[in-house]
């Protein structure tokens, strides 16, 4: 299905963010770069270069975060990236110290 939003830069950028949000709604943390580009090109029927420019703008505006897992470049919505970082920080704190609850005497 094509989305009739034209080639306006703001609309292409919005579709980049929306495609990432749809991926997170489906349980993914992010999308590989080529998959993201292909998805938006197909939905908007625009040139890949236009989508690449929109993605670069979203990265500069920090709406989208680029990351690498293994050797694979991924893009994530900024809020998902920040949430993951907070979870990792809390897990490290728990692993490094005592739990936040009092000791339980089982006797």
C-alpha atoms as a PDB file:
ATOM      1  CA  UNK A   1       0.000   0.000   0.000  1.00  0.00           C
ATOM      2  CA  UNK A   2       1.340   3.425  -0.961  1.00  0.00           C
ATOM      3  CA  UNK A   3       0.879   6.348   1.382  1.00  0.00           C
ATOM      4  CA  UNK A   4      -0.046   9.529  -0.465  1.00  0.00           C
ATOM      5  CA  UNK A   5       2.048  12.045   1.434  1.00  0.00           C
ATOM      6  CA  UNK A   6       4.227  13.305  -1.385  1.00  0.00           C
ATOM      7  CA  UNK A   7       7.913  13.947  -1.217  1.00  0.00           C
ATOM      8  CA  UNK A   8       7.915  16.793   1.296  1.00  0.00           C
ATOM      9  CA  UNK A   9      11.036  16.361   3.467  1.00  0.00           C
ATOM     10  CA  UNK A  10       9.102  16.658   6.739  1.00  0.00           C
ATOM     11  CA  UNK A  11       6.707  13.955   5.644  1.00  0.00           C
ATOM     12  CA  UNK A  12       9.478  11.599   4.599  1.00  0.00           C
ATOM     13  CA  UNK A  13      11.222  12.187   7.947  1.00  0.00           C
ATOM     14  CA  UNK A  14       7.958  11.515   9.761  1.00  0.00           C
ATOM     15  CA  UNK A  15       7.551   8.251   7.852  1.00  0.00           C
ATOM     16  CA  UNK A  16      11.080   7.178   8.835  1.00  0.00           C
ATOM     17  CA  UNK A  17      10.202   7.678  12.500  1.00  0.00           C
ATOM     18  CA  UNK A  18       6.820   6.018  12.035  1.00  0.00           C
ATOM     19  CA  UNK A  19       8.393   2.960  10.356  1.00  0.00           C
ATOM     20  CA  UNK A  20      10.711   2.567  13.342  1.00  0.00           C
ATOM     21  CA  UNK A  21       7.805   2.956  15.746  1.00  0.00           C
ATOM     22  CA  UNK A  22       5.856   0.273  13.881  1.00  0.00           C
ATOM     23  CA  UNK A  23       8.879  -2.032  14.169  1.00  0.00           C
ATOM     24  CA  UNK A  24       9.076  -1.488  17.933  1.00  0.00           C
ATOM     25  CA  UNK A  25       5.327  -2.092  18.194  1.00  0.00           C
ATOM     26  CA  UNK A  26       6.000  -5.440  16.485  1.00  0.00           C
ATOM     27  CA  UNK A  27       8.614  -6.295  19.140  1.00  0.00           C
ATOM     28  CA  UNK A  28      11.792  -5.185  17.359  1.00  0.00           C
ATOM     29  CA  UNK A  29      14.292  -2.867  19.010  1.00  0.00           C
ATOM     30  CA  UNK A  30      15.174  -1.263  15.693  1.00  0.00           C
ATOM     31  CA  UNK A  31      15.654  -1.971  12.021  1.00  0.00           C
ATOM     32  CA  UNK A  32      18.705  -2.657   9.895  1.00  0.00           C
ATOM     33  CA  UNK A  33      19.489   0.383   7.764  1.00  0.00           C
ATOM     34  CA  UNK A  34      18.696  -1.235   4.425  1.00  0.00           C
ATOM     35  CA  UNK A  35      15.423  -2.654   5.713  1.00  0.00           C
ATOM     36  CA  UNK A  36      14.353   0.760   7.012  1.00  0.00           C
ATOM     37  CA  UNK A  37      15.239   2.477   3.744  1.00  0.00           C
ATOM     38  CA  UNK A  38      13.486  -0.187   1.673  1.00  0.00           C
ATOM     39  CA  UNK A  39      10.335   0.027   3.831  1.00  0.00           C
ATOM     40  CA  UNK A  40      10.020   3.796   3.506  1.00  0.00           C
ATOM     41  CA  UNK A  41      10.840   3.784  -0.231  1.00  0.00           C
ATOM     42  CA  UNK A  42       8.118   1.214  -0.813  1.00  0.00           C
ATOM     43  CA  UNK A  43       5.505   2.995   1.310  1.00  0.00           C
ATOM     44  CA  UNK A  44       6.077   6.476  -0.075  1.00  0.00           C
ATOM     45  CA  UNK A  45       7.201   5.588  -3.597  1.00  0.00           C
ATOM     46  CA  UNK A  46      10.159   7.966  -3.331  1.00  0.00           C
ATOM     47  CA  UNK A  47      13.800   7.638  -4.296  1.00  0.00           C
ATOM     48  CA  UNK A  48      16.112   5.958  -1.827  1.00  0.00           C
ATOM     49  CA  UNK A  49      18.315   9.083  -1.801  1.00  0.00           C
ATOM     50  CA  UNK A  50      15.397  11.154  -0.475  1.00  0.00           C
ATOM     51  CA  UNK A  51      14.789   8.650   2.310  1.00  0.00           C
ATOM     52  CA  UNK A  52      18.523   8.523   3.112  1.00  0.00           C
ATOM     53  CA  UNK A  53      18.553  12.326   3.447  1.00  0.00           C
ATOM     54  CA  UNK A  54      15.497  12.189   5.720  1.00  0.00           C
ATOM     55  CA  UNK A  55      17.140   9.487   7.847  1.00  0.00           C
ATOM     56  CA  UNK A  56      20.319  11.571   8.134  1.00  0.00           C
ATOM     57  CA  UNK A  57      18.216  14.522   9.297  1.00  0.00           C
ATOM     58  CA  UNK A  58      16.490  12.367  11.927  1.00  0.00           C
ATOM     59  CA  UNK A  59      19.901  11.157  13.142  1.00  0.00           C
ATOM     60  CA  UNK A  60      21.214  14.725  13.440  1.00  0.00           C
ATOM     61  CA  UNK A  61      18.075  15.773  15.313  1.00  0.00           C
ATOM     62  CA  UNK A  62      18.529  12.777  17.609  1.00  0.00           C
ATOM     63  CA  UNK A  63      15.022  11.478  16.883  1.00  0.00           C
ATOM     64  CA  UNK A  64      16.659   8.292  15.616  1.00  0.00           C
ATOM     65  CA  UNK A  65      19.751   6.645  17.070  1.00  0.00           C
ATOM     66  CA  UNK A  66      22.221   4.663  14.990  1.00  0.00           C
ATOM     67  CA  UNK A  67      23.786   1.638  16.650  1.00  0.00           C
ATOM     68  CA  UNK A  68      25.680  -1.493  15.735  1.00  0.00           C
ATOM     69  CA  UNK A  69      24.933  -4.952  17.025  1.00  0.00           C
ATOM     70  CA  UNK A  70      27.603  -7.376  15.977  1.00  0.00           C
ATOM     71  CA  UNK A  71      28.509  -6.118  12.525  1.00  0.00           C
ATOM     72  CA  UNK A  72      24.998  -4.988  11.653  1.00  0.00           C
ATOM     73  CA  UNK A  73      24.071  -1.295  11.576  1.00  0.00           C
ATOM     74  CA  UNK A  74      20.663  -0.646  13.122  1.00  0.00           C
ATOM     75  CA  UNK A  75      18.513   2.401  13.663  1.00  0.00           C
ATOM     76  CA  UNK A  76      16.276   2.748  16.708  1.00  0.00           C
ATOM     77  CA  UNK A  77      13.779   5.332  17.873  1.00  0.00           C
ATOM     78  CA  UNK A  78      15.605   7.567  20.354  1.00  0.00           C
ATOM     79  CA  UNK A  79      13.188   6.770  23.170  1.00  0.00           C
ATOM     80  CA  UNK A  80      13.776   3.017  22.737  1.00  0.00           C
ATOM     81  CA  UNK A  81      17.531   3.524  22.786  1.00  0.00           C
ATOM     82  CA  UNK A  82      17.358   5.663  25.930  1.00  0.00           C
ATOM     83  CA  UNK A  83      15.038   3.181  27.665  1.00  0.00           C
ATOM     84  CA  UNK A  84      17.426   0.326  26.879  1.00  0.00           C
ATOM     85  CA  UNK A  85      20.338   2.321  28.286  1.00  0.00           C
ATOM     86  CA  UNK A  86      18.413   2.985  31.522  1.00  0.00           C
ATOM     87  CA  UNK A  87      17.571  -0.707  31.921  1.00  0.00           C
ATOM     88  CA  UNK A  88      21.209  -1.688  31.359  1.00  0.00           C
ATOM     89  CA  UNK A  89      22.352   0.924  33.893  1.00  0.00           C
ATOM     90  CA  UNK A  90      19.960  -0.404  36.535  1.00  0.00           C
ATOM     91  CA  UNK A  91      20.975  -4.006  35.892  1.00  0.00           C
ATOM     92  CA  UNK A  92      24.651  -3.066  36.290  1.00  0.00           C
ATOM     93  CA  UNK A  93      23.862  -1.307  39.587  1.00  0.00           C
ATOM     94  CA  UNK A  94      21.975  -4.345  40.886  1.00  0.00           C
ATOM     95  CA  UNK A  95      24.771  -6.699  39.840  1.00  0.00           C
ATOM     96  CA  UNK A  96      27.428  -4.532  41.510  1.00  0.00           C
ATOM     97  CA  UNK A  97      25.787  -4.127  44.897  1.00  0.00           C
ATOM     98  CA  UNK A  98      23.298  -5.391  47.397  1.00  0.00           C
ATOM     99  CA  UNK A  99      19.646  -5.615  46.402  1.00  0.00           C
ATOM    100  CA  UNK A 100      17.479  -2.663  47.440  1.00  0.00           C
ATOM    101  CA  UNK A 101      15.360  -4.835  49.754  1.00  0.00           C
ATOM    102  CA  UNK A 102      16.374  -5.898  53.276  1.00  0.00           C
ATOM    103  CA  UNK A 103      17.985  -9.231  53.929  1.00  0.00           C
ATOM    104  CA  UNK A 104      15.479 -12.029  54.593  1.00  0.00           C
ATOM    105  CA  UNK A 105      16.237 -14.315  57.533  1.00  0.00           C
ATOM    106  CA  UNK A 106      14.805 -17.706  56.634  1.00  0.00           C
ATOM    107  CA  UNK A 107      15.203 -19.203  60.137  1.00  0.00           C
END
